[in-house]
C-alpha atoms as a PDB file:
ATOM      1  CA  MET A   1     136.504 155.250 109.346  1.00  0.00           C
ATOM      2  CA  GLU A   2     133.527 157.190 110.732  1.00  0.00           C
ATOM      3  CA  ARG A   3     131.341 154.079 110.584  1.00  0.00           C
ATOM      4  CA  LEU A   4     133.934 152.145 112.595  1.00  0.00           C
ATOM      5  CA  LYS A   5     133.990 155.037 115.078  1.00  0.00           C
ATOM      6  CA  GLY A   6     130.206 154.801 115.429  1.00  0.00           C
ATOM      7  CA  ILE A   7     130.338 151.024 115.928  1.00  0.00           C
ATOM      8  CA  ALA A   8     133.026 151.417 118.594  1.00  0.00           C
ATOM      9  CA  MET A   9     130.886 154.037 120.355  1.00  0.00           C
ATOM     10  CA  ILE A  10     127.692 151.962 120.444  1.00  0.00           C
ATOM     11  CA  LEU A  11     129.528 148.814 121.538  1.00  0.00           C
ATOM     12  CA  SER A  12     131.298 150.725 124.317  1.00  0.00           C
ATOM     13  CA  GLY A  13     128.069 152.449 125.363  1.00  0.00           C
ATOM     14  CA  ALA A  14     126.031 149.223 125.358  1.00  0.00           C
ATOM     15  CA  MET A  15     128.632 147.336 127.392  1.00  0.00           C
ATOM     16  CA  LEU A  16     128.990 150.172 129.909  1.00  0.00           C
ATOM     17  CA  TRP A  17     125.206 150.430 130.293  1.00  0.00           C
ATOM     18  CA  GLY A  18     124.968 146.650 130.636  1.00  0.00           C
ATOM     19  CA  ALA A  19     127.571 146.829 133.410  1.00  0.00           C
ATOM     20  CA  THR A  20     125.561 149.358 135.447  1.00  0.00           C
ATOM     21  CA  GLY A  21     122.800 146.795 136.138  1.00  0.00           C
ATOM     22  CA  PRO A  22     124.967 144.273 138.032  1.00  0.00           C
ATOM     23  CA  LEU A  23     126.805 147.135 139.751  1.00  0.00           C
ATOM     24  CA  MET A  24     123.530 148.615 141.035  1.00  0.00           C
ATOM     25  CA  GLU A  25     122.363 145.139 142.062  1.00  0.00           C
ATOM     26  CA  TRP A  26     125.547 144.645 144.098  1.00  0.00           C
ATOM     27  CA  THR A  27     125.406 148.152 145.616  1.00  0.00           C
ATOM     28  CA  MET A  28     121.829 147.779 146.859  1.00  0.00           C
ATOM     29  CA  ALA A  29     122.450 144.278 148.235  1.00  0.00           C
ATOM     30  CA  GLU A  30     125.846 145.010 149.791  1.00  0.00           C
ATOM     31  CA  PHE A  31     125.027 148.309 151.511  1.00  0.00           C
ATOM     32  CA  GLY A  32     121.258 148.063 151.981  1.00  0.00           C
ATOM     33  CA  ILE A  33     120.631 151.160 149.855  1.00  0.00           C
ATOM     34  CA  SER A  34     117.020 151.730 148.770  1.00  0.00           C
ATOM     35  CA  VAL A  35     115.935 152.331 145.187  1.00  0.00           C
ATOM     36  CA  PRO A  36     114.723 155.944 145.796  1.00  0.00           C
ATOM     37  CA  PHE A  37     117.923 156.945 147.632  1.00  0.00           C
ATOM     38  CA  LEU A  38     120.271 155.504 145.000  1.00  0.00           C
ATOM     39  CA  LEU A  39     118.228 156.776 142.078  1.00  0.00           C
ATOM     40  CA  THR A  40     117.719 160.303 143.433  1.00  0.00           C
ATOM     41  CA  ILE A  41     121.473 160.773 143.778  1.00  0.00           C
ATOM     42  CA  ARG A  42     122.192 159.136 140.438  1.00  0.00           C
ATOM     43  CA  LEU A  43     119.692 161.177 138.410  1.00  0.00           C
ATOM     44  CA  ALA A  44     120.351 164.530 140.051  1.00  0.00           C
ATOM     45  CA  VAL A  45     124.140 164.288 139.855  1.00  0.00           C
ATOM     46  CA  ALA A  46     124.145 162.853 136.308  1.00  0.00           C
ATOM     47  CA  GLY A  47     121.776 165.615 135.157  1.00  0.00           C
ATOM     48  CA  LEU A  48     124.004 168.292 136.689  1.00  0.00           C
ATOM     49  CA  LEU A  49     127.095 166.747 135.059  1.00  0.00           C
ATOM     50  CA  LEU A  50     125.455 166.753 131.618  1.00  0.00           C
ATOM     51  CA  LEU A  51     124.270 170.353 131.971  1.00  0.00           C
ATOM     52  CA  LEU A  52     127.714 171.411 133.177  1.00  0.00           C
ATOM     53  CA  PHE A  53     129.272 169.635 130.181  1.00  0.00           C
ATOM     54  CA  LEU A  54     126.937 171.543 127.830  1.00  0.00           C
ATOM     55  CA  LYS A  55     127.625 174.819 129.636  1.00  0.00           C
ATOM     56  CA  LEU A  56     131.365 174.329 129.126  1.00  0.00           C
ATOM     57  CA  LYS A  57     130.638 173.820 125.418  1.00  0.00           C
ATOM     58  CA  LYS A  58     128.921 177.256 125.388  1.00  0.00           C
ATOM     59  CA  VAL A  59     125.401 175.837 125.070  1.00  0.00           C
ATOM     60  CA  LYS A  60     122.656 178.089 126.501  1.00  0.00           C
ATOM     61  CA  VAL A  61     121.206 175.493 128.852  1.00  0.00           C
ATOM     62  CA  THR A  62     118.345 177.679 130.150  1.00  0.00           C
ATOM     63  CA  ALA A  63     117.098 178.712 126.705  1.00  0.00           C
ATOM     64  CA  ILE A  64     114.525 175.895 126.683  1.00  0.00           C
ATOM     65  CA  PHE A  65     112.556 177.666 129.449  1.00  0.00           C
ATOM     66  CA  ARG A  66     112.121 180.906 127.501  1.00  0.00           C
ATOM     67  CA  GLY A  67     109.477 179.312 125.313  1.00  0.00           C
ATOM     68  CA  LYS A  68     106.744 178.238 127.721  1.00  0.00           C
ATOM     69  CA  ILE A  69     105.377 175.792 125.150  1.00  0.00           C
ATOM     70  CA  TRP A  70     108.287 173.409 125.901  1.00  0.00           C
ATOM     71  CA  ILE A  71     108.148 173.405 129.696  1.00  0.00           C
ATOM     72  CA  LEU A  72     105.194 171.030 130.152  1.00  0.00           C
ATOM     73  CA  PRO A  73     106.442 168.451 127.585  1.00  0.00           C
ATOM     74  CA  LEU A  74     109.859 168.539 129.268  1.00  0.00           C
ATOM     75  CA  ILE A  75     108.331 167.893 132.696  1.00  0.00           C
ATOM     76  CA  ILE A  76     106.124 165.087 131.324  1.00  0.00           C
ATOM     77  CA  PHE A  77     109.152 163.437 129.734  1.00  0.00           C
ATOM     78  CA  ALA A  78     111.220 163.899 132.906  1.00  0.00           C
ATOM     79  CA  LEU A  79     108.609 162.212 135.120  1.00  0.00           C
ATOM     80  CA  PHE A  80     107.095 159.503 132.918  1.00  0.00           C
ATOM     81  CA  GLY A  81     109.990 158.923 130.518  1.00  0.00           C
ATOM     82  CA  MET A  82     113.306 159.469 132.276  1.00  0.00           C
ATOM     83  CA  LEU A  83     112.225 158.795 135.872  1.00  0.00           C
ATOM     84  CA  GLY A  84     109.755 156.113 134.748  1.00  0.00           C
ATOM     85  CA  VAL A  85     112.432 154.116 132.929  1.00  0.00           C
ATOM     86  CA  GLN A  86     115.094 154.548 135.596  1.00  0.00           C
ATOM     87  CA  PHE A  87     112.880 153.770 138.596  1.00  0.00           C
ATOM     88  CA  SER A  88     111.146 150.747 137.067  1.00  0.00           C
ATOM     89  CA  PHE A  89     114.491 149.388 135.817  1.00  0.00           C
ATOM     90  CA  VAL A  90     116.219 149.660 139.209  1.00  0.00           C
ATOM     91  CA  ALA A  91     113.107 148.338 140.993  1.00  0.00           C
ATOM     92  CA  ALA A  92     113.078 145.345 138.605  1.00  0.00           C
ATOM     93  CA  ILE A  93     116.753 144.721 139.445  1.00  0.00           C
ATOM     94  CA  GLU A  94     115.962 144.815 143.164  1.00  0.00           C
ATOM     95  CA  ALA A  95     113.004 142.429 142.740  1.00  0.00           C
ATOM     96  CA  SER A  96     114.839 139.977 140.458  1.00  0.00           C
ATOM     97  CA  ASP A  97     118.317 140.572 139.057  1.00  0.00           C
ATOM     98  CA  ALA A  98     120.119 142.701 136.487  1.00  0.00           C
ATOM     99  CA  VAL A  99     119.886 140.136 133.669  1.00  0.00           C
ATOM    100  CA  VAL A 100     116.092 139.680 133.866  1.00  0.00           C
ATOM    101  CA  ALA A 101     115.511 143.431 134.245  1.00  0.00           C
ATOM    102  CA  THR A 102     117.679 144.218 131.217  1.00  0.00           C
ATOM    103  CA  LEU A 103     115.976 141.586 129.053  1.00  0.00           C
ATOM    104  CA  LEU A 104     112.460 142.741 130.039  1.00  0.00           C
ATOM    105  CA  GLN A 105     113.441 146.223 128.876  1.00  0.00           C
ATOM    106  CA  PHE A 106     113.642 144.716 125.370  1.00  0.00           C
ATOM    107  CA  LEU A 107     109.850 144.274 125.343  1.00  0.00           C
ATOM    108  CA  ALA A 108     109.603 147.977 124.464  1.00  0.00           C
ATOM    109  CA  PRO A 109     109.391 147.373 120.659  1.00  0.00           C
ATOM    110  CA  ILE A 110     106.248 145.248 121.189  1.00  0.00           C
ATOM    111  CA  TYR A 111     104.532 148.033 123.137  1.00  0.00           C
ATOM    112  CA  ILE A 112     105.525 150.544 120.446  1.00  0.00           C
ATOM    113  CA  ILE A 113     104.076 148.328 117.692  1.00  0.00           C
ATOM    114  CA  LEU A 114     100.811 147.829 119.609  1.00  0.00           C
ATOM    115  CA  PHE A 115     100.490 151.562 120.336  1.00  0.00           C
ATOM    116  CA  ILE A 116     101.038 152.561 116.715  1.00  0.00           C
ATOM    117  CA  SER A 117      98.631 149.853 115.481  1.00  0.00           C
ATOM    118  CA  LEU A 118      95.901 151.038 117.879  1.00  0.00           C
ATOM    119  CA  ARG A 119      96.449 154.660 116.878  1.00  0.00           C
ATOM    120  CA  GLN A 120      96.245 153.785 113.168  1.00  0.00           C
ATOM    121  CA  ARG A 121      93.379 151.338 113.817  1.00  0.00           C
ATOM    122  CA  LYS A 122      94.887 148.540 111.753  1.00  0.00           C
ATOM    123  CA  TRP A 123      96.703 145.280 112.312  1.00  0.00           C
ATOM    124  CA  PRO A 124     100.499 145.431 112.380  1.00  0.00           C
ATOM    125  CA  PRO A 125     102.386 144.106 109.303  1.00  0.00           C
ATOM    126  CA  GLY A 126     103.206 140.425 109.130  1.00  0.00           C
ATOM    127  CA  TYR A 127     106.892 140.836 109.956  1.00  0.00           C
ATOM    128  CA  GLN A 128     105.961 142.672 113.166  1.00  0.00           C
ATOM    129  CA  VAL A 129     103.537 139.910 114.180  1.00  0.00           C
ATOM    130  CA  VAL A 130     106.294 137.331 113.643  1.00  0.00           C
ATOM    131  CA  GLY A 131     108.706 139.461 115.673  1.00  0.00           C
ATOM    132  CA  MET A 132     106.221 139.866 118.536  1.00  0.00           C
ATOM    133  CA  ILE A 133     105.373 136.147 118.664  1.00  0.00           C
ATOM    134  CA  GLY A 134     109.066 135.216 118.657  1.00  0.00           C
ATOM    135  CA  THR A 135     109.927 137.748 121.374  1.00  0.00           C
ATOM    136  CA  LEU A 136     107.038 136.592 123.581  1.00  0.00           C
ATOM    137  CA  THR A 137     108.073 132.954 123.075  1.00  0.00           C
ATOM    138  CA  GLY A 138     111.543 133.811 124.297  1.00  0.00           C
ATOM    139  CA  LEU A 139     110.052 135.712 127.230  1.00  0.00           C
ATOM    140  CA  PHE A 140     107.898 132.691 128.148  1.00  0.00           C
ATOM    141  CA  LEU A 141     110.980 130.461 128.318  1.00  0.00           C
ATOM    142  CA  LEU A 142     112.916 133.082 130.272  1.00  0.00           C
ATOM    143  CA  LEU A 143     110.210 133.555 132.910  1.00  0.00           C
ATOM    144  CA  THR A 144     109.005 129.943 133.271  1.00  0.00           C
ATOM    145  CA  ASN A 145     111.974 127.775 132.245  1.00  0.00           C
ATOM    146  CA  GLY A 146     109.475 125.841 130.141  1.00  0.00           C
ATOM    147  CA  GLN A 147     107.064 125.187 133.051  1.00  0.00           C
ATOM    148  CA  PRO A 148     103.796 127.027 132.165  1.00  0.00           C
ATOM    149  CA  THR A 149     102.417 126.826 135.706  1.00  0.00           C
ATOM    150  CA  GLN A 150     105.511 128.172 137.446  1.00  0.00           C
ATOM    151  CA  LEU A 151     107.051 131.641 137.249  1.00  0.00           C
ATOM    152  CA  ILE A 152     110.798 131.725 137.923  1.00  0.00           C
ATOM    153  CA  ILE A 153     110.564 135.345 139.063  1.00  0.00           C
ATOM    154  CA  SER A 154     108.207 136.956 141.578  1.00  0.00           C
ATOM    155  CA  GLY A 155     105.017 138.791 140.669  1.00  0.00           C
ATOM    156  CA  GLU A 156     106.657 142.021 141.838  1.00  0.00           C
ATOM    157  CA  ALA A 157     109.602 141.499 139.492  1.00  0.00           C
ATOM    158  CA  LEU A 158     107.241 140.790 136.594  1.00  0.00           C
ATOM    159  CA  PHE A 159     105.247 143.946 137.386  1.00  0.00           C
ATOM    160  CA  TRP A 160     108.330 146.168 137.329  1.00  0.00           C
ATOM    161  CA  GLY A 161     109.670 144.354 134.264  1.00  0.00           C
ATOM    162  CA  ILE A 162     106.485 145.010 132.294  1.00  0.00           C
ATOM    163  CA  LEU A 163     106.528 148.612 133.510  1.00  0.00           C
ATOM    164  CA  VAL A 164     110.128 149.167 132.419  1.00  0.00           C
ATOM    165  CA  GLY A 165     109.199 148.054 128.893  1.00  0.00           C
ATOM    166  CA  LEU A 166     106.188 150.405 128.838  1.00  0.00           C
ATOM    167  CA  ALA A 167     108.236 153.288 130.227  1.00  0.00           C
ATOM    168  CA  PHE A 168     111.003 152.660 127.697  1.00  0.00           C
ATOM    169  CA  ALA A 169     108.448 152.684 124.882  1.00  0.00           C
ATOM    170  CA  PHE A 170     107.129 156.062 126.106  1.00  0.00           C
ATOM    171  CA  TYR A 171     110.723 157.260 126.508  1.00  0.00           C
ATOM    172  CA  THR A 172     111.362 156.343 122.865  1.00  0.00           C
ATOM    173  CA  LEU A 173     108.174 157.741 121.308  1.00  0.00           C
ATOM    174  CA  TYR A 174     107.389 160.892 123.275  1.00  0.00           C
ATOM    175  CA  PRO A 175     110.376 163.272 123.163  1.00  0.00           C
ATOM    176  CA  GLY A 176     110.924 163.427 119.388  1.00  0.00           C
ATOM    177  CA  ARG A 177     109.947 167.088 118.932  1.00  0.00           C
ATOM    178  CA  LEU A 178     111.666 168.150 122.148  1.00  0.00           C
ATOM    179  CA  MET A 179     114.975 166.594 121.129  1.00  0.00           C
ATOM    180  CA  GLN A 180     114.717 167.803 117.545  1.00  0.00           C
ATOM    181  CA  GLU A 181     114.220 171.365 118.762  1.00  0.00           C
ATOM    182  CA  TRP A 182     116.698 171.476 121.673  1.00  0.00           C
ATOM    183  CA  GLY A 183     119.121 168.596 121.205  1.00  0.00           C
ATOM    184  CA  VAL A 184     119.287 165.248 122.923  1.00  0.00           C
ATOM    185  CA  LEU A 185     121.807 166.043 125.650  1.00  0.00           C
ATOM    186  CA  LEU A 186     120.053 169.212 126.820  1.00  0.00           C
ATOM    187  CA  VAL A 187     116.677 167.452 127.114  1.00  0.00           C
ATOM    188  CA  VAL A 188     118.236 164.446 128.844  1.00  0.00           C
ATOM    189  CA  GLY A 189     120.233 166.625 131.240  1.00  0.00           C
ATOM    190  CA  TRP A 190     117.216 168.616 132.432  1.00  0.00           C
ATOM    191  CA  SER A 191     115.047 165.473 132.521  1.00  0.00           C
ATOM    192  CA  MET A 192     117.531 163.676 134.740  1.00  0.00           C
ATOM    193  CA  LEU A 193     117.782 166.661 137.073  1.00  0.00           C
ATOM    194  CA  PHE A 194     113.987 167.161 137.252  1.00  0.00           C
ATOM    195  CA  GLY A 195     113.415 163.426 137.723  1.00  0.00           C
ATOM    196  CA  GLY A 196     115.958 163.268 140.537  1.00  0.00           C
ATOM    197  CA  VAL A 197     114.534 166.340 142.290  1.00  0.00           C
ATOM    198  CA  PHE A 198     110.952 165.046 141.984  1.00  0.00           C
ATOM    199  CA  LEU A 199     111.884 161.626 143.394  1.00  0.00           C
ATOM    200  CA  GLY A 200     113.868 163.267 146.178  1.00  0.00           C
ATOM    201  CA  LEU A 201     110.774 165.258 147.170  1.00  0.00           C
ATOM    202  CA  ALA A 202     108.259 162.432 146.706  1.00  0.00           C
ATOM    203  CA  ASP A 203     110.357 160.148 148.917  1.00  0.00           C
ATOM    204  CA  PRO A 204     112.039 162.852 151.017  1.00  0.00           C
ATOM    205  CA  ILE A 205     115.731 162.152 150.648  1.00  0.00           C
ATOM    206  CA  PHE A 206     116.614 164.843 153.190  1.00  0.00           C
ATOM    207  CA  LEU A 207     114.768 162.798 155.873  1.00  0.00           C
ATOM    208  CA  SER A 208     116.421 159.516 154.893  1.00  0.00           C
ATOM    209  CA  ASP A 209     118.357 157.581 157.514  1.00  0.00           C
ATOM    210  CA  GLU A 210     120.657 156.275 154.762  1.00  0.00           C
ATOM    211  CA  TRP A 211     122.944 159.340 154.656  1.00  0.00           C
ATOM    212  CA  PRO A 212     125.334 157.983 157.323  1.00  0.00           C
ATOM    213  CA  LYS A 213     126.056 155.045 155.011  1.00  0.00           C
ATOM    214  CA  LEU A 214     127.847 157.473 152.676  1.00  0.00           C
ATOM    215  CA  SER A 215     130.649 157.604 155.235  1.00  0.00           C
ATOM    216  CA  GLN A 216     131.729 154.280 153.723  1.00  0.00           C
ATOM    217  CA  GLY A 217     134.266 155.032 151.021  1.00  0.00           C
ATOM    218  CA  GLU A 218     133.435 151.853 149.116  1.00  0.00           C
ATOM    219  CA  LEU A 219     129.778 152.898 148.792  1.00  0.00           C
ATOM    220  CA  VAL A 220     130.674 156.407 147.611  1.00  0.00           C
ATOM    221  CA  LEU A 221     133.032 154.901 145.038  1.00  0.00           C
ATOM    222  CA  ALA A 222     130.300 152.520 143.824  1.00  0.00           C
ATOM    223  CA  ILE A 223     127.742 155.335 143.444  1.00  0.00           C
ATOM    224  CA  CYS A 224     130.265 157.564 141.639  1.00  0.00           C
ATOM    225  CA  THR A 225     131.102 154.694 139.299  1.00  0.00           C
ATOM    226  CA  ILE A 226     127.392 154.108 138.566  1.00  0.00           C
ATOM    227  CA  ILE A 227     126.911 157.810 137.802  1.00  0.00           C
ATOM    228  CA  VAL A 228     130.006 158.158 135.615  1.00  0.00           C
ATOM    229  CA  ILE A 229     129.715 154.980 133.535  1.00  0.00           C
ATOM    230  CA  GLY A 230     125.942 155.381 133.193  1.00  0.00           C
ATOM    231  CA  THR A 231     126.272 158.956 131.925  1.00  0.00           C
ATOM    232  CA  LEU A 232     129.214 158.047 129.666  1.00  0.00           C
ATOM    233  CA  ALA A 233     127.248 155.098 128.255  1.00  0.00           C
ATOM    234  CA  PHE A 234     124.345 157.375 127.362  1.00  0.00           C
ATOM    235  CA  VAL A 235     126.610 159.955 125.683  1.00  0.00           C
ATOM    236  CA  LEU A 236     128.377 157.246 123.654  1.00  0.00           C
ATOM    237  CA  PHE A 237     125.048 155.680 122.660  1.00  0.00           C
ATOM    238  CA  LEU A 238     123.620 158.979 121.400  1.00  0.00           C
ATOM    239  CA  SER A 239     126.852 160.106 119.751  1.00  0.00           C
ATOM    240  CA  SER A 240     127.067 156.868 117.754  1.00  0.00           C
ATOM    241  CA  MET A 241     123.888 157.827 115.868  1.00  0.00           C
ATOM    242  CA  ARG A 242     125.857 160.468 113.966  1.00  0.00           C
ATOM    243  CA  TYR A 243     127.940 157.756 112.315  1.00  0.00           C
ATOM    244  CA  ILE A 244     125.752 154.633 111.987  1.00  0.00           C
ATOM    245  CA  THR A 245     122.095 153.918 111.234  1.00  0.00           C
ATOM    246  CA  ALA A 246     119.375 153.506 113.822  1.00  0.00           C
ATOM    247  CA  VAL A 247     119.060 149.838 112.818  1.00  0.00           C
ATOM    248  CA  GLU A 248     122.761 149.190 113.431  1.00  0.00           C
ATOM    249  CA  THR A 249     122.422 150.983 116.761  1.00  0.00           C
ATOM    250  CA  SER A 250     119.434 148.824 117.708  1.00  0.00           C
ATOM    251  CA  ILE A 251     121.201 145.585 116.780  1.00  0.00           C
ATOM    252  CA  LEU A 252     124.518 146.401 118.457  1.00  0.00           C
ATOM    253  CA  SER A 253     122.719 147.549 121.617  1.00  0.00           C
ATOM    254  CA  SER A 254     121.959 143.856 122.160  1.00  0.00           C
ATOM    255  CA  PHE A 255     125.413 143.743 123.734  1.00  0.00           C
ATOM    256  CA  GLU A 256     123.786 145.439 126.753  1.00  0.00           C
ATOM    257  CA  PRO A 257     121.942 142.347 128.107  1.00  0.00           C
ATOM    258  CA  LEU A 258     124.783 140.084 127.001  1.00  0.00           C
ATOM    259  CA  THR A 259     127.218 142.183 129.050  1.00  0.00           C
ATOM    260  CA  ALA A 260     124.878 142.112 132.057  1.00  0.00           C
ATOM    261  CA  MET A 261     124.622 138.331 131.678  1.00  0.00           C
ATOM    262  CA  VAL A 262     128.387 137.739 131.502  1.00  0.00           C
ATOM    263  CA  ILE A 263     129.127 140.047 134.459  1.00  0.00           C
ATOM    264  CA  SER A 264     126.369 138.434 136.548  1.00  0.00           C
ATOM    265  CA  ILE A 265     127.790 134.968 135.828  1.00  0.00           C
ATOM    266  CA  LEU A 266     131.347 136.006 136.739  1.00  0.00           C
ATOM    267  CA  TRP A 267     130.443 138.258 139.702  1.00  0.00           C
ATOM    268  CA  PHE A 268     127.369 136.656 141.288  1.00  0.00           C
ATOM    269  CA  ASN A 269     127.642 133.173 139.794  1.00  0.00           C
ATOM    270  CA  GLN A 270     124.120 133.726 138.415  1.00  0.00           C
ATOM    271  CA  LEU A 271     123.735 131.267 135.573  1.00  0.00           C
ATOM    272  CA  LEU A 272     120.451 131.014 133.687  1.00  0.00           C
ATOM    273  CA  ALA A 273     119.000 127.544 133.216  1.00  0.00           C
ATOM    274  CA  PRO A 274     119.415 126.176 129.659  1.00  0.00           C
ATOM    275  CA  LEU A 275     115.801 126.909 128.660  1.00  0.00           C
ATOM    276  CA  GLN A 276     116.009 130.389 130.189  1.00  0.00           C
ATOM    277  CA  LEU A 277     119.208 131.099 128.278  1.00  0.00           C
ATOM    278  CA  THR A 278     117.535 129.836 125.093  1.00  0.00           C
ATOM    279  CA  GLY A 279     114.619 132.180 125.765  1.00  0.00           C
ATOM    280  CA  ALA A 280     116.951 135.150 126.288  1.00  0.00           C
ATOM    281  CA  LEU A 281     118.735 134.460 122.991  1.00  0.00           C
ATOM    282  CA  ILE A 282     115.394 134.026 121.165  1.00  0.00           C
ATOM    283  CA  MET A 283     114.263 137.420 122.502  1.00  0.00           C
ATOM    284  CA  LEU A 284     117.437 139.108 121.235  1.00  0.00           C
ATOM    285  CA  VAL A 285     117.148 137.397 117.825  1.00  0.00           C
ATOM    286  CA  PHE A 286     113.554 138.518 117.277  1.00  0.00           C
ATOM    287  CA  VAL A 287     114.131 142.070 118.540  1.00  0.00           C
ATOM    288  CA  THR A 288     116.951 142.210 115.954  1.00  0.00           C
ATOM    289  CA  TRP A 289     114.534 140.766 113.379  1.00  0.00           C
ATOM    290  CA  LEU A 290     112.063 143.563 114.060  1.00  0.00           C
ATOM    291  CA  SER A 291     114.791 146.154 113.468  1.00  0.00           C
ATOM    292  CA  LEU A 292     116.111 144.562 110.251  1.00  0.00           C
ATOM    293  CA  ALA A 293     112.677 143.833 108.758  1.00  0.00           C
ATOM    294  CA  GLY A 294     111.460 147.319 109.661  1.00  0.00           C
ATOM    295  CA  GLU A 295     114.434 148.925 107.898  1.00  0.00           C
ATOM    296  CA  LYS A 296     113.845 146.785 104.799  1.00  0.00           C
ATOM    297  CA  LYS A 297     110.157 147.793 104.636  1.00  0.00           C
ATOM    298  CA  THR A 298     111.103 151.462 105.054  1.00  0.00           C
ATOM    299  CA  LYS A 299     113.528 151.268 102.130  1.00  0.00           C
ATOM    300  CA  GLU A 300     110.878 149.573  99.964  1.00  0.00           C
ATOM    301  CA  VAL A 301     108.379 152.357 100.721  1.00  0.00           C
END
């Protein structure tokens, strides 16, 4: 029963997170909202909601600041992990679309493999090489539609797409000790709040001429929906790990780009060309392969 509960959580979380991409794409296009303005509000409010949730559960949310050793790692994670992932992801959506941005996020396992191989100064295992080659083949078809001399997306979209994969890899590797010591939700809550505040200062939100747009009820509703379903998706995703394995979580999270794809087709009539769709499916298959083969090797060791 608990395993089924975990599967239901990760499927719900992945589909909700997949839905946020098209919703943000529509919000920015429909109301002319900039990436910094949307993201500052989203991160700051979501961070406050998570910290309030923990406070109501009697968690000492400020305890992490009593040990000065944790403050710098928390800030680094907030800026380069949380804000890095969120900003590059939304910027990739703005430069291309939600489907491409979500799929490029799945390059993160390749960056993680390369980083670990460089750190250990040895070639990655054979199954990882196969997984990387397969994923890159799928990416080639997605980005070129089988035409090597022609990119389907802009150079800007490719830049942000590569960056979102790198940021997601850092987001995955860096905060292990932080989260083990203080819990996932507390670290994520403060990171979201710090990331939102930093972005709001770097691109001064208080000087923005976009505030009057919030007088539109439809825009406020869209932003609130993005905040709520995005935060709920994250909580469901993390909570599922108590009931199912990391490999099952990784595989079932593939419903995220599939959800973004279906919503984009129904909402925006954005249909990938046959070779692009083949490339997207190949990417998902080989990312799943990396997870399954990695789990098998771990069990053998």
